[in-house]
């Protein structure tokens, strides 16, 4: 019995140390609020993949679009509007040619993700964000929120896809 009690105390102590170390690390998941009051959701990099995209022009980036469990369930069921609590994340990296891969292929054809550019979130809360179609928007660079001017352009950009609950990305199972 003493051994079990000792093991429980030891486990609780180690768990407490790990938890406090994670908080003290200043990880980007603890970033400050944006104007919509959105923080980077913990564990978002472990969410399921919705799709990938490449934007040309001045952005010239490659993107992974991820969703939390509520967003993924809505996508899979084809449910619109998305339910409150659904969160969609967009991770972006610069789109760069891979000289290493191109040497293997013998011609220029390979592109890879370069440096990270930013991460964006759409958070569904139909009451809190009623003025913006039920969605709150956030954008972070290096774990810090972008300014208000940048976020004020989010909703107007999504208005053309109002029929899809303001979401551009289609599910790619």
N, C-alpha and C. Protein backbone atom coordinates (compact mmCIF):
# COMPACT_ATOMS: atom_id res chain seq x y z
N UNK A 1 0.82 -1.18 0.00
CA UNK A 1 0.00 0.00 0.00
C UNK A 1 0.87 1.26 0.00
N UNK A 2 1.95 1.22 0.82
CA UNK A 2 2.86 2.38 0.86
C UNK A 2 3.51 2.61 -0.49
N UNK A 3 3.83 1.52 -1.16
CA UNK A 3 4.48 1.63 -2.46
C UNK A 3 3.56 2.30 -3.48
N UNK A 4 2.28 1.94 -3.47
CA UNK A 4 1.31 2.55 -4.37
C UNK A 4 1.16 4.03 -4.07
N UNK A 5 1.07 4.36 -2.78
CA UNK A 5 0.96 5.77 -2.39
C UNK A 5 2.20 6.54 -2.83
N UNK A 6 3.38 5.94 -2.66
CA UNK A 6 4.62 6.60 -3.08
C UNK A 6 4.62 6.84 -4.59
N UNK A 7 4.20 5.83 -5.35
CA UNK A 7 4.17 5.96 -6.81
C UNK A 7 3.18 7.04 -7.24
N UNK A 8 2.02 7.12 -6.58
CA UNK A 8 1.05 8.15 -6.92
C UNK A 8 1.59 9.54 -6.64
N UNK A 9 2.25 9.72 -5.51
CA UNK A 9 2.85 11.02 -5.18
C UNK A 9 3.95 11.36 -6.17
N UNK A 10 4.78 10.40 -6.52
CA UNK A 10 5.86 10.64 -7.48
C UNK A 10 5.30 11.02 -8.84
N UNK A 11 4.27 10.30 -9.28
CA UNK A 11 3.65 10.61 -10.57
C UNK A 11 3.05 12.02 -10.57
N UNK A 12 2.35 12.39 -9.51
CA UNK A 12 1.75 13.71 -9.42
C UNK A 12 2.81 14.80 -9.42
N UNK A 13 3.93 14.55 -8.74
CA UNK A 13 5.01 15.53 -8.71
C UNK A 13 5.61 15.73 -10.09
N UNK A 14 5.89 14.63 -10.78
CA UNK A 14 6.45 14.72 -12.13
C UNK A 14 5.47 15.41 -13.07
N UNK A 15 4.19 15.08 -12.98
CA UNK A 15 3.18 15.73 -13.83
C UNK A 15 3.13 17.22 -13.57
N UNK A 16 3.22 17.62 -12.32
CA UNK A 16 3.22 19.04 -11.97
C UNK A 16 4.43 19.76 -12.53
N UNK A 17 5.59 19.13 -12.46
CA UNK A 17 6.82 19.74 -13.00
C UNK A 17 6.71 19.90 -14.50
N UNK A 18 6.22 18.87 -15.19
CA UNK A 18 6.07 18.93 -16.64
C UNK A 18 5.09 20.03 -17.03
N UNK A 19 3.97 20.11 -16.33
CA UNK A 19 2.96 21.13 -16.65
C UNK A 19 3.51 22.53 -16.42
N UNK A 20 4.21 22.74 -15.34
CA UNK A 20 4.74 24.09 -15.09
C UNK A 20 5.87 24.43 -16.04
N UNK A 21 6.64 23.43 -16.47
CA UNK A 21 7.69 23.69 -17.46
C UNK A 21 7.10 24.09 -18.79
N UNK A 22 6.02 23.45 -19.18
CA UNK A 22 5.38 23.78 -20.46
C UNK A 22 4.86 25.20 -20.44
N UNK A 23 4.28 25.64 -19.32
CA UNK A 23 3.76 27.00 -19.23
C UNK A 23 4.89 28.02 -19.23
N UNK A 24 5.99 27.70 -18.58
CA UNK A 24 7.11 28.63 -18.47
C UNK A 24 7.87 28.77 -19.78
N UNK A 25 7.65 27.85 -20.71
CA UNK A 25 8.43 27.87 -21.95
C UNK A 25 8.07 29.02 -22.86
N UNK A 26 6.92 29.67 -22.64
CA UNK A 26 6.52 30.77 -23.50
C UNK A 26 6.12 30.30 -24.88
N UNK A 27 5.63 29.10 -24.99
CA UNK A 27 5.24 28.54 -26.28
C UNK A 27 4.21 29.44 -26.96
N UNK A 28 4.21 29.45 -28.27
CA UNK A 28 3.32 30.31 -29.04
C UNK A 28 1.85 30.06 -28.73
N UNK A 29 1.52 28.88 -28.20
CA UNK A 29 0.12 28.60 -27.88
C UNK A 29 -0.41 29.52 -26.79
N UNK A 30 0.46 30.27 -26.12
CA UNK A 30 0.02 31.16 -25.06
C UNK A 30 0.05 32.61 -25.53
N UNK A 31 0.00 32.84 -26.83
CA UNK A 31 0.10 34.19 -27.38
C UNK A 31 -1.05 35.07 -26.90
N UNK A 32 -0.82 36.35 -26.97
CA UNK A 32 -1.82 37.33 -26.55
C UNK A 32 -3.05 37.28 -27.44
N UNK A 33 -4.14 37.85 -26.93
CA UNK A 33 -5.40 37.91 -27.66
C UNK A 33 -5.28 38.81 -28.89
N UNK A 34 -6.11 38.53 -29.87
CA UNK A 34 -6.28 39.42 -31.03
C UNK A 34 -7.48 40.32 -30.75
N UNK A 35 -7.82 41.19 -31.68
CA UNK A 35 -8.97 42.07 -31.47
C UNK A 35 -10.27 41.30 -31.35
N UNK A 36 -10.32 40.07 -31.87
CA UNK A 36 -11.51 39.24 -31.75
C UNK A 36 -11.48 38.44 -30.44
N UNK A 37 -10.43 38.60 -29.65
CA UNK A 37 -10.31 37.89 -28.39
C UNK A 37 -9.90 36.44 -28.55
N UNK A 38 -9.23 36.12 -29.64
CA UNK A 38 -8.85 34.74 -29.94
C UNK A 38 -7.38 34.53 -29.61
N UNK A 39 -7.11 33.47 -28.88
CA UNK A 39 -5.73 33.04 -28.61
C UNK A 39 -5.42 31.83 -29.49
N UNK A 40 -4.17 31.53 -29.65
CA UNK A 40 -3.79 30.33 -30.40
C UNK A 40 -4.28 29.12 -29.61
N UNK A 41 -5.12 28.28 -30.21
CA UNK A 41 -5.64 27.12 -29.48
C UNK A 41 -4.53 26.10 -29.19
N UNK A 42 -4.49 25.60 -27.97
CA UNK A 42 -3.48 24.58 -27.64
C UNK A 42 -3.66 23.34 -28.50
N UNK A 43 -2.56 22.78 -28.96
CA UNK A 43 -2.60 21.54 -29.71
C UNK A 43 -3.10 21.62 -31.13
N UNK A 44 -3.26 22.84 -31.67
CA UNK A 44 -3.85 22.97 -33.01
C UNK A 44 -3.04 22.24 -34.08
N UNK A 45 -1.75 22.08 -33.89
CA UNK A 45 -0.93 21.39 -34.91
C UNK A 45 -1.25 19.89 -34.99
N UNK A 46 -1.98 19.38 -34.01
CA UNK A 46 -2.38 17.98 -34.02
C UNK A 46 -3.77 17.77 -34.62
N UNK A 47 -4.43 18.84 -35.05
CA UNK A 47 -5.75 18.72 -35.65
C UNK A 47 -5.65 17.99 -36.98
N UNK A 48 -6.79 17.55 -37.48
CA UNK A 48 -6.83 16.81 -38.75
C UNK A 48 -6.74 17.76 -39.94
N UNK A 49 -6.16 17.22 -41.00
CA UNK A 49 -6.00 17.98 -42.24
C UNK A 49 -7.32 18.07 -42.98
N UNK A 50 -7.68 19.29 -43.37
CA UNK A 50 -8.86 19.52 -44.21
C UNK A 50 -8.42 19.53 -45.67
N UNK A 51 -7.37 20.29 -45.96
CA UNK A 51 -6.89 20.41 -47.33
C UNK A 51 -5.55 21.14 -47.34
N UNK A 52 -4.96 21.25 -48.50
CA UNK A 52 -3.76 22.05 -48.70
C UNK A 52 -4.04 23.03 -49.85
N UNK A 53 -3.26 24.09 -49.89
CA UNK A 53 -3.47 25.09 -50.94
C UNK A 53 -2.16 25.78 -51.27
N UNK A 54 -2.12 26.34 -52.46
CA UNK A 54 -0.99 27.16 -52.89
C UNK A 54 -1.54 28.48 -53.42
N UNK A 55 -1.06 29.56 -52.88
CA UNK A 55 -1.43 30.90 -53.34
C UNK A 55 -0.26 31.48 -54.11
N UNK A 56 -0.51 31.93 -55.31
CA UNK A 56 0.54 32.58 -56.10
C UNK A 56 0.49 34.08 -55.87
N UNK A 57 1.08 34.83 -56.75
CA UNK A 57 1.06 36.29 -56.65
C UNK A 57 1.93 36.78 -55.51
N UNK A 58 1.49 37.85 -54.88
CA UNK A 58 2.32 38.46 -53.84
C UNK A 58 2.45 37.57 -52.61
N UNK A 59 1.49 36.68 -52.36
CA UNK A 59 1.58 35.78 -51.20
C UNK A 59 2.57 34.65 -51.45
N UNK A 60 2.46 34.01 -52.60
CA UNK A 60 3.32 32.91 -52.99
C UNK A 60 3.64 31.99 -51.82
N UNK A 61 2.59 31.39 -51.27
CA UNK A 61 2.79 30.50 -50.14
C UNK A 61 2.11 29.17 -50.35
N UNK A 62 2.45 28.24 -49.49
CA UNK A 62 1.81 26.93 -49.46
C UNK A 62 1.16 26.82 -48.09
N UNK A 63 -0.05 26.22 -48.05
CA UNK A 63 -0.84 26.24 -46.82
C UNK A 63 -1.36 24.85 -46.47
N UNK A 64 -1.45 24.62 -45.19
CA UNK A 64 -2.15 23.45 -44.66
C UNK A 64 -3.35 24.00 -43.89
N UNK A 65 -4.52 23.48 -44.19
CA UNK A 65 -5.73 23.91 -43.50
C UNK A 65 -6.15 22.75 -42.60
N UNK A 66 -6.25 23.04 -41.31
CA UNK A 66 -6.56 22.04 -40.30
C UNK A 66 -7.87 22.39 -39.61
N UNK A 67 -8.51 21.42 -39.01
CA UNK A 67 -9.73 21.68 -38.27
C UNK A 67 -9.78 20.94 -36.96
N UNK A 68 -10.41 21.56 -35.96
CA UNK A 68 -10.63 20.85 -34.71
C UNK A 68 -11.71 19.81 -34.95
N UNK A 69 -12.04 19.02 -33.94
CA UNK A 69 -12.98 17.92 -34.11
C UNK A 69 -14.35 18.39 -34.60
N UNK A 70 -14.84 19.52 -34.08
CA UNK A 70 -16.16 20.02 -34.52
C UNK A 70 -16.14 20.42 -35.99
N UNK A 71 -15.07 21.06 -36.42
CA UNK A 71 -14.97 21.46 -37.83
C UNK A 71 -14.88 20.24 -38.74
N UNK A 72 -14.08 19.27 -38.35
CA UNK A 72 -13.92 18.06 -39.17
C UNK A 72 -15.25 17.31 -39.27
N UNK A 73 -15.96 17.19 -38.16
CA UNK A 73 -17.26 16.50 -38.18
C UNK A 73 -18.23 17.21 -39.14
N UNK A 74 -18.27 18.54 -39.08
CA UNK A 74 -19.15 19.31 -39.97
C UNK A 74 -18.75 19.11 -41.43
N UNK A 75 -17.45 19.15 -41.70
CA UNK A 75 -16.99 18.93 -43.07
C UNK A 75 -17.41 17.55 -43.56
N UNK A 76 -17.14 16.52 -42.76
CA UNK A 76 -17.44 15.15 -43.17
C UNK A 76 -18.93 14.92 -43.39
N UNK A 77 -19.75 15.59 -42.59
CA UNK A 77 -21.20 15.43 -42.71
C UNK A 77 -21.81 16.41 -43.70
N UNK A 78 -20.99 17.31 -44.24
CA UNK A 78 -21.50 18.32 -45.17
C UNK A 78 -22.45 19.28 -44.49
N UNK A 79 -22.25 19.52 -43.20
CA UNK A 79 -23.16 20.33 -42.40
C UNK A 79 -22.80 21.82 -42.47
N UNK A 80 -23.76 22.61 -42.95
CA UNK A 80 -23.63 24.07 -42.96
C UNK A 80 -24.88 24.66 -42.33
N UNK A 81 -24.77 25.70 -41.58
CA UNK A 81 -23.54 26.36 -41.19
C UNK A 81 -22.75 25.51 -40.21
N UNK A 82 -21.47 25.83 -40.08
CA UNK A 82 -20.63 25.14 -39.13
C UNK A 82 -21.18 25.37 -37.72
N UNK A 83 -21.03 24.40 -36.84
CA UNK A 83 -21.54 24.58 -35.48
C UNK A 83 -20.63 25.50 -34.66
N UNK A 84 -21.21 26.14 -33.67
CA UNK A 84 -20.40 26.94 -32.75
C UNK A 84 -19.33 26.03 -32.13
N UNK A 85 -18.15 26.58 -31.99
CA UNK A 85 -17.03 25.81 -31.45
C UNK A 85 -16.12 25.24 -32.52
N UNK A 86 -16.56 25.27 -33.79
CA UNK A 86 -15.70 24.81 -34.88
C UNK A 86 -14.57 25.82 -35.05
N UNK A 87 -13.37 25.32 -35.25
CA UNK A 87 -12.21 26.18 -35.48
C UNK A 87 -11.45 25.64 -36.68
N UNK A 88 -11.13 26.53 -37.60
CA UNK A 88 -10.34 26.20 -38.78
C UNK A 88 -9.03 26.96 -38.69
N UNK A 89 -7.93 26.25 -38.87
CA UNK A 89 -6.59 26.86 -38.82
C UNK A 89 -5.97 26.81 -40.20
N UNK A 90 -5.24 27.87 -40.55
CA UNK A 90 -4.50 27.91 -41.80
C UNK A 90 -3.05 28.23 -41.47
N UNK A 91 -2.16 27.26 -41.72
CA UNK A 91 -0.73 27.43 -41.50
C UNK A 91 -0.09 27.70 -42.84
N UNK A 92 0.75 28.72 -42.93
CA UNK A 92 1.34 29.08 -44.22
C UNK A 92 2.86 29.15 -44.14
N UNK A 93 3.47 28.73 -45.24
CA UNK A 93 4.92 28.79 -45.40
C UNK A 93 5.23 29.37 -46.77
N UNK A 94 6.39 29.99 -46.90
CA UNK A 94 6.78 30.45 -48.23
C UNK A 94 6.94 29.24 -49.14
N UNK A 95 6.68 29.44 -50.41
CA UNK A 95 6.69 28.39 -51.43
C UNK A 95 7.98 28.54 -52.20
N UNK A 96 8.91 27.60 -52.01
CA UNK A 96 10.23 27.76 -52.59
C UNK A 96 10.64 26.53 -53.40
N UNK A 97 11.44 26.73 -54.45
CA UNK A 97 11.93 25.59 -55.21
C UNK A 97 12.92 24.79 -54.38
N UNK A 98 12.92 23.48 -54.57
CA UNK A 98 13.86 22.61 -53.87
C UNK A 98 14.99 22.25 -54.84
N UNK A 99 16.11 22.92 -54.69
CA UNK A 99 17.26 22.63 -55.55
C UNK A 99 17.72 21.19 -55.35
N UNK A 100 17.68 20.72 -54.11
CA UNK A 100 18.09 19.35 -53.82
C UNK A 100 17.22 18.34 -54.57
N UNK A 101 15.90 18.51 -54.50
CA UNK A 101 15.00 17.60 -55.21
C UNK A 101 15.14 17.75 -56.72
N UNK A 102 15.29 18.98 -57.19
CA UNK A 102 15.40 19.20 -58.64
C UNK A 102 16.64 18.54 -59.22
N UNK A 103 17.72 18.47 -58.46
CA UNK A 103 18.92 17.76 -58.92
C UNK A 103 18.61 16.28 -59.15
N UNK A 104 17.83 15.69 -58.26
CA UNK A 104 17.46 14.29 -58.39
C UNK A 104 16.57 14.08 -59.60
N UNK A 105 15.60 14.99 -59.80
CA UNK A 105 14.68 14.85 -60.92
C UNK A 105 15.30 15.24 -62.25
N UNK A 106 16.39 15.99 -62.21
CA UNK A 106 17.05 16.40 -63.43
C UNK A 106 16.42 17.61 -64.10
N UNK A 107 15.47 18.24 -63.44
CA UNK A 107 14.83 19.44 -63.97
C UNK A 107 14.10 20.17 -62.84
N UNK A 108 13.76 21.40 -63.10
CA UNK A 108 13.05 22.21 -62.09
C UNK A 108 11.59 21.78 -62.05
N UNK A 109 11.18 21.13 -60.97
CA UNK A 109 9.79 20.71 -60.83
C UNK A 109 9.34 20.61 -59.39
N UNK A 110 10.26 20.70 -58.45
CA UNK A 110 9.91 20.46 -57.06
C UNK A 110 9.89 21.76 -56.25
N UNK A 111 8.81 21.92 -55.48
CA UNK A 111 8.68 23.05 -54.57
C UNK A 111 8.35 22.51 -53.19
N UNK A 112 8.84 23.19 -52.18
CA UNK A 112 8.63 22.76 -50.80
C UNK A 112 8.25 23.96 -49.93
N UNK A 113 7.85 23.64 -48.72
CA UNK A 113 7.55 24.70 -47.76
C UNK A 113 8.87 25.29 -47.27
N UNK A 114 8.96 26.62 -47.34
CA UNK A 114 10.13 27.33 -46.83
C UNK A 114 9.87 27.80 -45.41
N UNK A 115 10.22 29.03 -45.13
CA UNK A 115 10.02 29.56 -43.78
C UNK A 115 8.53 29.83 -43.52
N UNK A 116 8.15 29.67 -42.26
CA UNK A 116 6.76 29.92 -41.88
C UNK A 116 6.44 31.40 -42.05
N UNK A 117 5.24 31.70 -42.57
CA UNK A 117 4.85 33.11 -42.73
C UNK A 117 3.87 33.53 -41.65
N UNK A 118 2.83 32.73 -41.42
CA UNK A 118 1.87 33.05 -40.36
C UNK A 118 0.91 31.89 -40.15
N UNK A 119 0.07 32.04 -39.14
CA UNK A 119 -1.00 31.08 -38.88
C UNK A 119 -2.26 31.90 -38.64
N UNK A 120 -3.37 31.43 -39.22
CA UNK A 120 -4.65 32.12 -39.08
C UNK A 120 -5.68 31.16 -38.51
N UNK A 121 -6.67 31.73 -37.83
CA UNK A 121 -7.76 30.94 -37.27
C UNK A 121 -9.09 31.59 -37.58
N UNK A 122 -10.09 30.76 -37.83
CA UNK A 122 -11.49 31.17 -37.90
C UNK A 122 -12.19 30.39 -36.79
N UNK A 123 -12.84 31.12 -35.89
CA UNK A 123 -13.52 30.52 -34.75
C UNK A 123 -15.01 30.79 -34.87
N UNK A 124 -15.82 29.74 -34.87
CA UNK A 124 -17.26 29.89 -35.02
C UNK A 124 -17.93 30.10 -33.67
N UNK A 125 -18.58 31.25 -33.54
CA UNK A 125 -19.42 31.57 -32.39
C UNK A 125 -20.48 32.52 -32.92
N UNK A 126 -21.65 31.96 -33.25
CA UNK A 126 -22.68 32.73 -33.96
C UNK A 126 -23.19 33.94 -33.18
N UNK A 127 -23.15 33.91 -31.86
CA UNK A 127 -23.59 35.08 -31.09
C UNK A 127 -22.46 36.09 -30.90
N UNK A 128 -21.32 35.63 -30.49
CA UNK A 128 -20.20 36.53 -30.20
C UNK A 128 -19.74 37.27 -31.45
N UNK A 129 -19.74 36.59 -32.59
CA UNK A 129 -19.24 37.18 -33.83
C UNK A 129 -20.36 37.37 -34.85
N UNK A 130 -21.55 37.70 -34.40
CA UNK A 130 -22.70 37.87 -35.29
C UNK A 130 -22.44 38.91 -36.38
N UNK A 131 -21.71 39.95 -36.07
CA UNK A 131 -21.44 41.02 -37.04
C UNK A 131 -20.51 40.58 -38.17
N UNK A 132 -19.82 39.46 -37.97
CA UNK A 132 -18.91 38.96 -39.01
C UNK A 132 -19.30 37.54 -39.41
N UNK A 133 -20.58 37.34 -39.65
CA UNK A 133 -21.07 36.07 -40.16
C UNK A 133 -20.96 34.91 -39.19
N UNK A 134 -20.75 35.20 -37.91
CA UNK A 134 -20.62 34.14 -36.92
C UNK A 134 -19.19 33.66 -36.72
N UNK A 135 -18.25 34.30 -37.41
CA UNK A 135 -16.85 33.88 -37.33
C UNK A 135 -15.99 34.97 -36.73
N UNK A 136 -15.08 34.57 -35.83
CA UNK A 136 -14.02 35.45 -35.35
C UNK A 136 -12.75 35.08 -36.09
N UNK A 137 -11.90 36.05 -36.33
CA UNK A 137 -10.68 35.84 -37.11
C UNK A 137 -9.45 36.21 -36.30
N UNK A 138 -8.36 35.49 -36.53
CA UNK A 138 -7.09 35.79 -35.87
C UNK A 138 -5.95 35.45 -36.80
N UNK A 139 -4.89 36.22 -36.71
CA UNK A 139 -3.67 35.94 -37.48
C UNK A 139 -2.48 36.21 -36.57
N UNK A 140 -1.54 35.27 -36.58
CA UNK A 140 -0.35 35.37 -35.74
C UNK A 140 0.90 35.21 -36.58
N UNK A 141 1.91 36.00 -36.27
CA UNK A 141 3.24 35.87 -36.87
C UNK A 141 4.22 35.69 -35.72
N UNK A 142 5.00 34.63 -35.78
CA UNK A 142 5.95 34.33 -34.71
C UNK A 142 5.27 34.29 -33.35
N UNK A 143 4.03 33.80 -33.30
CA UNK A 143 3.30 33.66 -32.06
C UNK A 143 2.69 34.94 -31.53
N UNK A 144 2.82 36.03 -32.27
CA UNK A 144 2.25 37.31 -31.84
C UNK A 144 1.12 37.71 -32.77
N UNK A 145 0.03 38.26 -32.20
CA UNK A 145 -1.11 38.63 -33.05
C UNK A 145 -0.79 39.80 -33.97
N UNK A 146 -1.35 39.72 -35.20
CA UNK A 146 -1.24 40.84 -36.13
C UNK A 146 -2.16 41.96 -35.68
N UNK A 147 -1.94 43.13 -36.20
CA UNK A 147 -2.69 44.31 -35.80
C UNK A 147 -4.13 44.31 -36.27
N UNK A 148 -4.87 45.25 -35.72
CA UNK A 148 -6.30 45.39 -36.01
C UNK A 148 -6.56 45.67 -37.48
N UNK A 149 -5.73 46.49 -38.11
CA UNK A 149 -5.95 46.84 -39.51
C UNK A 149 -5.94 45.60 -40.40
N UNK A 150 -5.05 44.69 -40.13
CA UNK A 150 -4.96 43.45 -40.91
C UNK A 150 -6.21 42.60 -40.72
N UNK A 151 -6.68 42.48 -39.49
CA UNK A 151 -7.84 41.63 -39.20
C UNK A 151 -9.15 42.22 -39.72
N UNK A 152 -9.21 43.52 -39.88
CA UNK A 152 -10.43 44.14 -40.41
C UNK A 152 -10.67 43.78 -41.87
N UNK A 153 -9.67 43.22 -42.54
CA UNK A 153 -9.84 42.81 -43.93
C UNK A 153 -10.32 41.37 -44.06
N UNK A 154 -10.35 40.62 -42.98
CA UNK A 154 -10.70 39.20 -43.05
C UNK A 154 -12.14 38.97 -43.50
N UNK A 155 -13.09 39.49 -42.76
CA UNK A 155 -14.48 39.21 -43.07
C UNK A 155 -14.89 39.68 -44.47
N UNK A 156 -14.55 40.91 -44.88
CA UNK A 156 -14.93 41.33 -46.24
C UNK A 156 -14.40 40.38 -47.32
N UNK A 157 -13.26 39.80 -47.09
CA UNK A 157 -12.68 38.86 -48.06
C UNK A 157 -13.50 37.57 -48.12
N UNK A 158 -14.15 37.19 -47.03
CA UNK A 158 -14.91 35.95 -46.98
C UNK A 158 -16.37 36.09 -47.41
N UNK A 159 -16.84 37.31 -47.60
CA UNK A 159 -18.23 37.54 -48.00
C UNK A 159 -18.60 36.82 -49.31
N UNK A 160 -17.72 36.76 -50.32
CA UNK A 160 -18.10 36.06 -51.56
C UNK A 160 -18.46 34.59 -51.37
N UNK A 161 -18.04 33.97 -50.26
CA UNK A 161 -18.39 32.56 -50.03
C UNK A 161 -19.41 32.42 -48.88
N UNK A 162 -20.29 33.39 -48.78
CA UNK A 162 -21.33 33.38 -47.76
C UNK A 162 -22.17 32.10 -47.83
N UNK A 163 -22.46 31.62 -49.03
CA UNK A 163 -23.27 30.42 -49.20
C UNK A 163 -22.59 29.18 -48.60
N UNK A 164 -21.28 29.24 -48.40
CA UNK A 164 -20.54 28.14 -47.78
C UNK A 164 -20.15 28.51 -46.35
N UNK A 165 -20.97 29.33 -45.70
CA UNK A 165 -20.74 29.80 -44.33
C UNK A 165 -19.41 30.53 -44.22
N UNK A 166 -19.07 31.29 -45.27
CA UNK A 166 -17.90 32.17 -45.30
C UNK A 166 -16.57 31.41 -45.30
N UNK A 167 -16.60 30.12 -45.64
CA UNK A 167 -15.39 29.29 -45.62
C UNK A 167 -14.98 28.95 -47.05
N UNK A 168 -13.77 29.31 -47.42
CA UNK A 168 -13.26 29.01 -48.75
C UNK A 168 -12.90 27.54 -48.94
N UNK A 169 -12.22 26.99 -47.99
CA UNK A 169 -11.64 25.66 -48.15
C UNK A 169 -12.69 24.57 -48.16
N UNK A 170 -12.63 23.76 -49.20
CA UNK A 170 -13.50 22.59 -49.28
C UNK A 170 -12.74 21.39 -48.71
N UNK A 171 -13.47 20.45 -48.20
CA UNK A 171 -12.88 19.26 -47.60
C UNK A 171 -12.32 18.36 -48.68
N UNK A 172 -11.09 17.91 -48.47
CA UNK A 172 -10.43 17.00 -49.40
C UNK A 172 -10.13 15.69 -48.66
N UNK A 173 -11.12 14.77 -48.62
CA UNK A 173 -10.94 13.54 -47.85
C UNK A 173 -9.82 12.67 -48.40
